[in-house]
Amino acid sequence: MKPWLFWTCWGIDALIGAIAVIFFLIGLADGSVSSFNIGIWMVMLAVLAVILGGSLWLKEAAHPVLAMLLLLVLAIPGVLSGLFLLLLLVTNARWN
């Protein structure tokens, strides 16, 4: 497997994780993250950490295919969502 592919997917996943952390911190600041939904946030942030950390651990443990599959679980939907948002911005779509 090509190392650039692993690190590209890992970078995409890290960007998605950073966006989630930023939204979490903004939610803490404005009060939208409260005791009612903190559990959901903690699970989501833990899953992101497991994906990023687990892929590095699997790669170091000589399981590069499993590491890549773990990264692709988040990278594929993330890239597709990003392309969809880009399409909306470029085409100036109307939703009514």
PDB file of N, CA and C in Angstrom:
ATOM      1  N   MET A   1       0.838  -1.173   0.000  1.00  0.00           N
ATOM      2  CA  MET A   1       0.000   0.000   0.000  1.00  0.00           C
ATOM      3  C   MET A   1       0.888   1.243   0.000  1.00  0.00           C
ATOM      4  N   LYS A   2       0.430   2.253  -0.681  1.00  0.00           N
ATOM      5  CA  LYS A   2       1.197   3.485  -0.805  1.00  0.00           C
ATOM      6  C   LYS A   2       1.040   4.327   0.467  1.00  0.00           C
ATOM      7  N   PRO A   3       2.164   4.792   1.028  1.00  0.00           N
ATOM      8  CA  PRO A   3       2.070   5.564   2.272  1.00  0.00           C
ATOM      9  C   PRO A   3       1.359   6.904   2.096  1.00  0.00           C
ATOM     10  N   TRP A   4       1.435   7.504   0.921  1.00  0.00           N
ATOM     11  CA  TRP A   4       0.769   8.789   0.719  1.00  0.00           C
ATOM     12  C   TRP A   4      -0.741   8.650   0.809  1.00  0.00           C
ATOM     13  N   LEU A   5      -1.276   7.498   0.412  1.00  0.00           N
ATOM     14  CA  LEU A   5      -2.719   7.281   0.494  1.00  0.00           C
ATOM     15  C   LEU A   5      -3.172   7.204   1.948  1.00  0.00           C
ATOM     16  N   PHE A   6      -2.391   6.504   2.761  1.00  0.00           N
ATOM     17  CA  PHE A   6      -2.715   6.415   4.186  1.00  0.00           C
ATOM     18  C   PHE A   6      -2.706   7.799   4.816  1.00  0.00           C
ATOM     19  N   TRP A   7      -1.660   8.570   4.561  1.00  0.00           N
ATOM     20  CA  TRP A   7      -1.541   9.874   5.210  1.00  0.00           C
ATOM     21  C   TRP A   7      -2.546  10.874   4.662  1.00  0.00           C
ATOM     22  N   THR A   8      -2.957  10.732   3.412  1.00  0.00           N
ATOM     23  CA  THR A   8      -4.007  11.596   2.874  1.00  0.00           C
ATOM     24  C   THR A   8      -5.326  11.319   3.580  1.00  0.00           C
ATOM     25  N   CYS A   9      -5.670  10.041   3.706  1.00  0.00           N
ATOM     26  CA  CYS A   9      -6.906   9.679   4.415  1.00  0.00           C
ATOM     27  C   CYS A   9      -6.826  10.081   5.880  1.00  0.00           C
ATOM     28  N   TRP A  10      -5.654   9.928   6.488  1.00  0.00           N
ATOM     29  CA  TRP A  10      -5.501  10.312   7.886  1.00  0.00           C
ATOM     30  C   TRP A  10      -5.648  11.824   8.042  1.00  0.00           C
ATOM     31  N   GLY A  11      -5.128  12.578   7.104  1.00  0.00           N
ATOM     32  CA  GLY A  11      -5.279  14.029   7.133  1.00  0.00           C
ATOM     33  C   GLY A  11      -6.724  14.472   6.984  1.00  0.00           C
ATOM     34  N   ILE A  12      -7.462  13.797   6.110  1.00  0.00           N
ATOM     35  CA  ILE A  12      -8.886  14.091   5.941  1.00  0.00           C
ATOM     36  C   ILE A  12      -9.622  13.806   7.244  1.00  0.00           C
ATOM     37  N   ASP A  13      -9.329  12.670   7.852  1.00  0.00           N
ATOM     38  CA  ASP A  13      -9.971  12.317   9.117  1.00  0.00           C
ATOM     39  C   ASP A  13      -9.580  13.286  10.229  1.00  0.00           C
ATOM     40  N   ALA A  14      -8.329  13.726  10.242  1.00  0.00           N
ATOM     41  CA  ALA A  14      -7.892  14.685  11.251  1.00  0.00           C
ATOM     42  C   ALA A  14      -8.603  16.023  11.063  1.00  0.00           C
ATOM     43  N   LEU A  15      -8.818  16.430   9.821  1.00  0.00           N
ATOM     44  CA  LEU A  15      -9.553  17.663   9.546  1.00  0.00           C
ATOM     45  C   LEU A  15     -10.998  17.552  10.024  1.00  0.00           C
ATOM     46  N   ILE A  16     -11.628  16.412   9.773  1.00  0.00           N
ATOM     47  CA  ILE A  16     -12.992  16.187  10.244  1.00  0.00           C
ATOM     48  C   ILE A  16     -13.030  16.216  11.774  1.00  0.00           C
ATOM     49  N   GLY A  17     -12.043  15.600  12.408  1.00  0.00           N
ATOM     50  CA  GLY A  17     -11.970  15.618  13.866  1.00  0.00           C
ATOM     51  C   GLY A  17     -11.762  17.019  14.408  1.00  0.00           C
ATOM     52  N   ALA A  18     -10.918  17.807  13.748  1.00  0.00           N
ATOM     53  CA  ALA A  18     -10.678  19.181  14.189  1.00  0.00           C
ATOM     54  C   ALA A  18     -11.942  20.022  14.068  1.00  0.00           C
ATOM     55  N   ILE A  19     -12.697  19.827  13.004  1.00  0.00           N
ATOM     56  CA  ILE A  19     -13.961  20.551  12.837  1.00  0.00           C
ATOM     57  C   ILE A  19     -14.933  20.171  13.950  1.00  0.00           C
ATOM     58  N   ALA A  20     -14.995  18.888  14.286  1.00  0.00           N
ATOM     59  CA  ALA A  20     -15.882  18.445  15.364  1.00  0.00           C
ATOM     60  C   ALA A  20     -15.470  19.053  16.700  1.00  0.00           C
ATOM     61  N   VAL A  21     -14.183  19.110  16.970  1.00  0.00           N
ATOM     62  CA  VAL A  21     -13.703  19.705  18.228  1.00  0.00           C
ATOM     63  C   VAL A  21     -14.014  21.200  18.264  1.00  0.00           C
ATOM     64  N   ILE A  22     -13.864  21.882  17.151  1.00  0.00           N
ATOM     65  CA  ILE A  22     -14.176  23.316  17.098  1.00  0.00           C
ATOM     66  C   ILE A  22     -15.658  23.545  17.380  1.00  0.00           C
ATOM     67  N   PHE A  23     -16.530  22.748  16.752  1.00  0.00           N
ATOM     68  CA  PHE A  23     -17.962  22.881  17.018  1.00  0.00           C
ATOM     69  C   PHE A  23     -18.275  22.560  18.478  1.00  0.00           C
ATOM     70  N   PHE A  24     -17.583  21.583  19.058  1.00  0.00           N
ATOM     71  CA  PHE A  24     -17.775  21.247  20.460  1.00  0.00           C
ATOM     72  C   PHE A  24     -17.381  22.424  21.352  1.00  0.00           C
ATOM     73  N   LEU A  25     -16.243  23.020  21.092  1.00  0.00           N
ATOM     74  CA  LEU A  25     -15.790  24.146  21.902  1.00  0.00           C
ATOM     75  C   LEU A  25     -16.699  25.366  21.746  1.00  0.00           C
ATOM     76  N   ILE A  26     -17.172  25.613  20.544  1.00  0.00           N
ATOM     77  CA  ILE A  26     -18.123  26.709  20.327  1.00  0.00           C
ATOM     78  C   ILE A  26     -19.420  26.416  21.081  1.00  0.00           C
ATOM     79  N   GLY A  27     -19.860  25.170  21.050  1.00  0.00           N
ATOM     80  CA  GLY A  27     -21.063  24.790  21.777  1.00  0.00           C
ATOM     81  C   GLY A  27     -20.912  24.931  23.283  1.00  0.00           C
ATOM     82  N   LEU A  28     -19.723  24.624  23.792  1.00  0.00           N
ATOM     83  CA  LEU A  28     -19.477  24.843  25.222  1.00  0.00           C
ATOM     84  C   LEU A  28     -19.543  26.332  25.561  1.00  0.00           C
ATOM     85  N   ALA A  29     -19.006  27.158  24.682  1.00  0.00           N
ATOM     86  CA  ALA A  29     -18.968  28.594  24.946  1.00  0.00           C
ATOM     87  C   ALA A  29     -20.358  29.224  24.906  1.00  0.00           C
ATOM     88  N   ASP A  30     -21.197  28.788  23.972  1.00  0.00           N
ATOM     89  CA  ASP A  30     -22.516  29.423  23.870  1.00  0.00           C
ATOM     90  C   ASP A  30     -23.611  28.681  24.631  1.00  0.00           C
ATOM     91  N   GLY A  31     -23.268  27.569  25.247  1.00  0.00           N
ATOM     92  CA  GLY A  31     -24.237  26.861  26.079  1.00  0.00           C
ATOM     93  C   GLY A  31     -25.088  25.832  25.368  1.00  0.00           C
ATOM     94  N   SER A  32     -24.860  25.617  24.073  1.00  0.00           N
ATOM     95  CA  SER A  32     -25.664  24.617  23.371  1.00  0.00           C
ATOM     96  C   SER A  32     -25.212  23.193  23.675  1.00  0.00           C
ATOM     97  N   VAL A  33     -23.996  23.025  24.173  1.00  0.00           N
ATOM     98  CA  VAL A  33     -23.555  21.730  24.682  1.00  0.00           C
ATOM     99  C   VAL A  33     -23.809  21.758  26.183  1.00  0.00           C
ATOM    100  N   SER A  34     -24.759  20.936  26.606  1.00  0.00           N
ATOM    101  CA  SER A  34     -25.166  20.954  28.007  1.00  0.00           C
ATOM    102  C   SER A  34     -25.183  19.532  28.552  1.00  0.00           C
ATOM    103  N   SER A  35     -25.663  19.390  29.768  1.00  0.00           N
ATOM    104  CA  SER A  35     -25.733  18.055  30.371  1.00  0.00           C
ATOM    105  C   SER A  35     -26.713  17.161  29.616  1.00  0.00           C
ATOM    106  N   PHE A  36     -27.631  17.767  28.865  1.00  0.00           N
ATOM    107  CA  PHE A  36     -28.601  16.984  28.096  1.00  0.00           C
ATOM    108  C   PHE A  36     -27.937  16.235  26.946  1.00  0.00           C
ATOM    109  N   ASN A  37     -26.962  16.852  26.271  1.00  0.00           N
ATOM    110  CA  ASN A  37     -26.379  16.232  25.086  1.00  0.00           C
ATOM    111  C   ASN A  37     -24.872  15.988  25.193  1.00  0.00           C
ATOM    112  N   ILE A  38     -24.302  16.130  26.377  1.00  0.00           N
ATOM    113  CA  ILE A  38     -22.861  15.940  26.515  1.00  0.00           C
ATOM    114  C   ILE A  38     -22.456  14.493  26.230  1.00  0.00           C
ATOM    115  N   GLY A  39     -23.339  13.548  26.535  1.00  0.00           N
ATOM    116  CA  GLY A  39     -23.037  12.138  26.266  1.00  0.00           C
ATOM    117  C   GLY A  39     -22.859  11.861  24.783  1.00  0.00           C
ATOM    118  N   ILE A  40     -23.717  12.445  23.976  1.00  0.00           N
ATOM    119  CA  ILE A  40     -23.621  12.271  22.527  1.00  0.00           C
ATOM    120  C   ILE A  40     -22.309  12.866  22.017  1.00  0.00           C
ATOM    121  N   TRP A  41     -21.958  14.037  22.523  1.00  0.00           N
ATOM    122  CA  TRP A  41     -20.702  14.668  22.119  1.00  0.00           C
ATOM    123  C   TRP A  41     -19.502  13.828  22.518  1.00  0.00           C
ATOM    124  N   MET A  42     -19.537  13.289  23.727  1.00  0.00           N
ATOM    125  CA  MET A  42     -18.397  12.495  24.201  1.00  0.00           C
ATOM    126  C   MET A  42     -18.229  11.220  23.366  1.00  0.00           C
ATOM    127  N   VAL A  43     -19.338  10.594  23.020  1.00  0.00           N
ATOM    128  CA  VAL A  43     -19.264   9.389  22.174  1.00  0.00           C
ATOM    129  C   VAL A  43     -18.708   9.746  20.797  1.00  0.00           C
ATOM    130  N   MET A  44     -19.178  10.840  20.233  1.00  0.00           N
ATOM    131  CA  MET A  44     -18.716  11.237  18.907  1.00  0.00           C
ATOM    132  C   MET A  44     -17.219  11.571  18.918  1.00  0.00           C
ATOM    133  N   LEU A  45     -16.779  12.321  19.913  1.00  0.00           N
ATOM    134  CA  LEU A  45     -15.362  12.664  19.990  1.00  0.00           C
ATOM    135  C   LEU A  45     -14.503  11.436  20.287  1.00  0.00           C
ATOM    136  N   ALA A  46     -15.030  10.492  21.084  1.00  0.00           N
ATOM    137  CA  ALA A  46     -14.288   9.254  21.364  1.00  0.00           C
ATOM    138  C   ALA A  46     -14.149   8.406  20.104  1.00  0.00           C
ATOM    139  N   VAL A  47     -15.197   8.337  19.303  1.00  0.00           N
ATOM    140  CA  VAL A  47     -15.129   7.567  18.050  1.00  0.00           C
ATOM    141  C   VAL A  47     -14.100   8.184  17.113  1.00  0.00           C
ATOM    142  N   LEU A  48     -14.074   9.495  17.032  1.00  0.00           N
ATOM    143  CA  LEU A  48     -13.070  10.158  16.193  1.00  0.00           C
ATOM    144  C   LEU A  48     -11.657   9.866  16.689  1.00  0.00           C
ATOM    145  N   ALA A  49     -11.476   9.888  17.999  1.00  0.00           N
ATOM    146  CA  ALA A  49     -10.155   9.586  18.562  1.00  0.00           C
ATOM    147  C   ALA A  49      -9.759   8.139  18.308  1.00  0.00           C
ATOM    148  N   VAL A  50     -10.714   7.224  18.411  1.00  0.00           N
ATOM    149  CA  VAL A  50     -10.425   5.808  18.152  1.00  0.00           C
ATOM    150  C   VAL A  50     -10.047   5.595  16.694  1.00  0.00           C
ATOM    151  N   ILE A  51     -10.732   6.274  15.791  1.00  0.00           N
ATOM    152  CA  ILE A  51     -10.409   6.123  14.368  1.00  0.00           C
ATOM    153  C   ILE A  51      -9.001   6.639  14.086  1.00  0.00           C
ATOM    154  N   LEU A  52      -8.681   7.817  14.589  1.00  0.00           N
ATOM    155  CA  LEU A  52      -7.359   8.390  14.319  1.00  0.00           C
ATOM    156  C   LEU A  52      -6.250   7.615  15.029  1.00  0.00           C
ATOM    157  N   GLY A  53      -6.437   7.356  16.313  1.00  0.00           N
ATOM    158  CA  GLY A  53      -5.419   6.632  17.067  1.00  0.00           C
ATOM    159  C   GLY A  53      -5.326   5.170  16.680  1.00  0.00           C
ATOM    160  N   GLY A  54      -6.475   4.550  16.442  1.00  0.00           N
ATOM    161  CA  GLY A  54      -6.486   3.137  16.068  1.00  0.00           C
ATOM    162  C   GLY A  54      -5.841   2.877  14.725  1.00  0.00           C
ATOM    163  N   SER A  55      -6.015   3.802  13.796  1.00  0.00           N
ATOM    164  CA  SER A  55      -5.382   3.617  12.492  1.00  0.00           C
ATOM    165  C   SER A  55      -3.861   3.705  12.609  1.00  0.00           C
ATOM    166  N   LEU A  56      -3.381   4.634  13.425  1.00  0.00           N
ATOM    167  CA  LEU A  56      -1.929   4.720  13.631  1.00  0.00           C
ATOM    168  C   LEU A  56      -1.400   3.467  14.324  1.00  0.00           C
ATOM    169  N   TRP A  57      -2.145   2.980  15.314  1.00  0.00           N
ATOM    170  CA  TRP A  57      -1.729   1.783  16.036  1.00  0.00           C
ATOM    171  C   TRP A  57      -1.716   0.566  15.109  1.00  0.00           C
ATOM    172  N   LEU A  58      -2.756   0.423  14.280  1.00  0.00           N
ATOM    173  CA  LEU A  58      -2.801  -0.710  13.343  1.00  0.00           C
ATOM    174  C   LEU A  58      -1.672  -0.623  12.315  1.00  0.00           C
ATOM    175  N   LYS A  59      -1.375   0.580  11.861  1.00  0.00           N
ATOM    176  CA  LYS A  59      -0.276   0.741  10.888  1.00  0.00           C
ATOM    177  C   LYS A  59       1.054   0.335  11.512  1.00  0.00           C
ATOM    178  N   GLU A  60       1.289   0.736  12.759  1.00  0.00           N
ATOM    179  CA  GLU A  60       2.532   0.380  13.441  1.00  0.00           C
ATOM    180  C   GLU A  60       2.585  -1.099  13.795  1.00  0.00           C
ATOM    181  N   ALA A  61       1.432  -1.732  13.963  1.00  0.00           N
ATOM    182  CA  ALA A  61       1.377  -3.152  14.301  1.00  0.00           C
ATOM    183  C   ALA A  61       1.383  -4.030  13.050  1.00  0.00           C
ATOM    184  N   ALA A  62       1.780  -3.473  11.921  1.00  0.00           N
ATOM    185  CA  ALA A  62       1.913  -4.200  10.649  1.00  0.00           C
ATOM    186  C   ALA A  62       0.577  -4.717  10.119  1.00  0.00           C
ATOM    187  N   HIS A  63      -0.463  -3.901  10.273  1.00  0.00           N
ATOM    188  CA  HIS A  63      -1.768  -4.205   9.688  1.00  0.00           C
ATOM    189  C   HIS A  63      -2.233  -3.006   8.853  1.00  0.00           C
ATOM    190  N   PRO A  64      -1.514  -2.715   7.771  1.00  0.00           N
ATOM    191  CA  PRO A  64      -1.833  -1.499   7.018  1.00  0.00           C
ATOM    192  C   PRO A  64      -3.192  -1.542   6.321  1.00  0.00           C
ATOM    193  N   VAL A  65      -3.647  -2.716   5.929  1.00  0.00           N
ATOM    194  CA  VAL A  65      -4.942  -2.804   5.248  1.00  0.00           C
ATOM    195  C   VAL A  65      -6.065  -2.497   6.234  1.00  0.00           C
ATOM    196  N   LEU A  66      -5.984  -3.054   7.441  1.00  0.00           N
ATOM    197  CA  LEU A  66      -7.001  -2.765   8.447  1.00  0.00           C
ATOM    198  C   LEU A  66      -6.970  -1.290   8.849  1.00  0.00           C
ATOM    199  N   ALA A  67      -5.780  -0.721   8.936  1.00  0.00           N
ATOM    200  CA  ALA A  67      -5.661   0.699   9.255  1.00  0.00           C
ATOM    201  C   ALA A  67      -6.318   1.549   8.176  1.00  0.00           C
ATOM    202  N   MET A  68      -6.106   1.185   6.932  1.00  0.00           N
ATOM    203  CA  MET A  68      -6.698   1.932   5.827  1.00  0.00           C
ATOM    204  C   MET A  68      -8.215   1.796   5.830  1.00  0.00           C
ATOM    205  N   LEU A  69      -8.712   0.593   6.090  1.00  0.00           N
ATOM    206  CA  LEU A  69     -10.163   0.393   6.148  1.00  0.00           C
ATOM    207  C   LEU A  69     -10.789   1.213   7.271  1.00  0.00           C
ATOM    208  N   LEU A  70     -10.112   1.278   8.403  1.00  0.00           N
ATOM    209  CA  LEU A  70     -10.615   2.085   9.516  1.00  0.00           C
ATOM    210  C   LEU A  70     -10.660   3.561   9.138  1.00  0.00           C
ATOM    211  N   LEU A  71      -9.651   4.032   8.442  1.00  0.00           N
ATOM    212  CA  LEU A  71      -9.650   5.429   8.008  1.00  0.00           C
ATOM    213  C   LEU A  71     -10.734   5.708   6.981  1.00  0.00           C
ATOM    214  N   LEU A  72     -10.968   4.757   6.101  1.00  0.00           N
ATOM    215  CA  LEU A  72     -11.955   4.966   5.044  1.00  0.00           C
ATOM    216  C   LEU A  72     -13.380   5.037   5.567  1.00  0.00           C
ATOM    217  N   VAL A  73     -13.623   4.488   6.752  1.00  0.00           N
ATOM    218  CA  VAL A  73     -14.957   4.558   7.360  1.00  0.00           C
ATOM    219  C   VAL A  73     -15.376   6.017   7.528  1.00  0.00           C
ATOM    220  N   LEU A  74     -14.450   6.878   7.833  1.00  0.00           N
ATOM    221  CA  LEU A  74     -14.748   8.296   8.014  1.00  0.00           C
ATOM    222  C   LEU A  74     -14.365   9.134   6.796  1.00  0.00           C
ATOM    223  N   ALA A  75     -13.317   8.755   6.084  1.00  0.00           N
ATOM    224  CA  ALA A  75     -12.822   9.576   4.978  1.00  0.00           C
ATOM    225  C   ALA A  75     -13.786   9.606   3.793  1.00  0.00           C
ATOM    226  N   ILE A  76     -14.379   8.478   3.457  1.00  0.00           N
ATOM    227  CA  ILE A  76     -15.278   8.448   2.300  1.00  0.00           C
ATOM    228  C   ILE A  76     -16.505   9.331   2.516  1.00  0.00           C
ATOM    229  N   PRO A  77     -17.249   9.179   3.627  1.00  0.00           N
ATOM    230  CA  PRO A  77     -18.381  10.102   3.827  1.00  0.00           C
ATOM    231  C   PRO A  77     -17.942  11.559   3.966  1.00  0.00           C
ATOM    232  N   GLY A  78     -16.781  11.795   4.545  1.00  0.00           N
ATOM    233  CA  GLY A  78     -16.298  13.163   4.686  1.00  0.00           C
ATOM    234  C   GLY A  78     -16.004  13.811   3.352  1.00  0.00           C
ATOM    235  N   VAL A  79     -15.347  13.076   2.466  1.00  0.00           N
ATOM    236  CA  VAL A  79     -15.039  13.615   1.132  1.00  0.00           C
ATOM    237  C   VAL A  79     -16.325  13.817   0.334  1.00  0.00           C
ATOM    238  N   LEU A  80     -17.247  12.871   0.419  1.00  0.00           N
ATOM    239  CA  LEU A  80     -18.513  13.014  -0.307  1.00  0.00           C
ATOM    240  C   LEU A  80     -19.318  14.204   0.209  1.00  0.00           C
ATOM    241  N   SER A  81     -19.325  14.422   1.513  1.00  0.00           N
ATOM    242  CA  SER A  81     -20.017  15.587   2.077  1.00  0.00           C
ATOM    243  C   SER A  81     -19.349  16.883   1.627  1.00  0.00           C
ATOM    244  N   GLY A  82     -18.039  16.898   1.620  1.00  0.00           N
ATOM    245  CA  GLY A  82     -17.318  18.079   1.155  1.00  0.00           C
ATOM    246  C   GLY A  82     -17.583  18.380  -0.310  1.00  0.00           C
ATOM    247  N   LEU A  83     -17.621  17.338  -1.136  1.00  0.00           N
ATOM    248  CA  LEU A  83     -17.938  17.541  -2.557  1.00  0.00           C
ATOM    249  C   LEU A  83     -19.358  18.044  -2.740  1.00  0.00           C
ATOM    250  N   PHE A  84     -20.287  17.555  -1.923  1.00  0.00           N
ATOM    251  CA  PHE A  84     -21.671  18.014  -2.004  1.00  0.00           C
ATOM    252  C   PHE A  84     -21.767  19.493  -1.639  1.00  0.00           C
ATOM    253  N   LEU A  85     -21.085  19.902  -0.570  1.00  0.00           N
ATOM    254  CA  LEU A  85     -21.100  21.312  -0.191  1.00  0.00           C
ATOM    255  C   LEU A  85     -20.443  22.183  -1.261  1.00  0.00           C
ATOM    256  N   LEU A  86     -19.368  21.697  -1.850  1.00  0.00           N
ATOM    257  CA  LEU A  86     -18.721  22.431  -2.939  1.00  0.00           C
ATOM    258  C   LEU A  86     -19.658  22.569  -4.136  1.00  0.00           C
ATOM    259  N   LEU A  87     -20.374  21.512  -4.451  1.00  0.00           N
ATOM    260  CA  LEU A  87     -21.343  21.553  -5.545  1.00  0.00           C
ATOM    261  C   LEU A  87     -22.433  22.575  -5.264  1.00  0.00           C
ATOM    262  N   LEU A  88     -22.903  22.637  -4.021  1.00  0.00           N
ATOM    263  CA  LEU A  88     -23.926  23.624  -3.668  1.00  0.00           C
ATOM    264  C   LEU A  88     -23.401  25.047  -3.809  1.00  0.00           C
ATOM    265  N   LEU A  89     -22.151  25.260  -3.432  1.00  0.00           N
ATOM    266  CA  LEU A  89     -21.582  26.599  -3.538  1.00  0.00           C
ATOM    267  C   LEU A  89     -21.343  27.009  -4.987  1.00  0.00           C
ATOM    268  N   VAL A  90     -20.901  26.070  -5.797  1.00  0.00           N
ATOM    269  CA  VAL A  90     -20.555  26.388  -7.196  1.00  0.00           C
ATOM    270  C   VAL A  90     -21.804  26.587  -8.037  1.00  0.00           C
ATOM    271  N   THR A  91     -22.813  25.747  -7.851  1.00  0.00           N
ATOM    272  CA  THR A  91     -23.998  25.809  -8.712  1.00  0.00           C
ATOM    273  C   THR A  91     -25.042  26.796  -8.226  1.00  0.00           C
ATOM    274  N   ASN A  92     -24.891  27.334  -7.018  1.00  0.00           N
ATOM    275  CA  ASN A  92     -25.865  28.255  -6.443  1.00  0.00           C
ATOM    276  C   ASN A  92     -27.266  27.645  -6.492  1.00  0.00           C
ATOM    277  N   ALA A  93     -27.377  26.449  -5.968  1.00  0.00           N
ATOM    278  CA  ALA A  93     -28.625  25.689  -6.032  1.00  0.00           C
ATOM    279  C   ALA A  93     -29.724  26.353  -5.210  1.00  0.00           C
ATOM    280  N   ARG A  94     -30.957  26.185  -5.671  1.00  0.00           N
ATOM    281  CA  ARG A  94     -32.130  26.660  -4.947  1.00  0.00           C
ATOM    282  C   ARG A  94     -32.891  25.458  -4.438  1.00  0.00           C
ATOM    283  N   TRP A  95     -33.353  25.512  -3.199  1.00  0.00           N
ATOM    284  CA  TRP A  95     -33.988  24.357  -2.566  1.00  0.00           C
ATOM    285  C   TRP A  95     -35.495  24.492  -2.459  1.00  0.00           C
ATOM    286  N   ASN A  96     -36.097  25.517  -3.051  1.00  0.00           N
ATOM    287  CA  ASN A  96     -37.547  25.669  -2.909  1.00  0.00           C
ATOM    288  C   ASN A  96     -38.315  25.063  -4.063  1.00  0.00           C
TER     289      ASN A  96
END
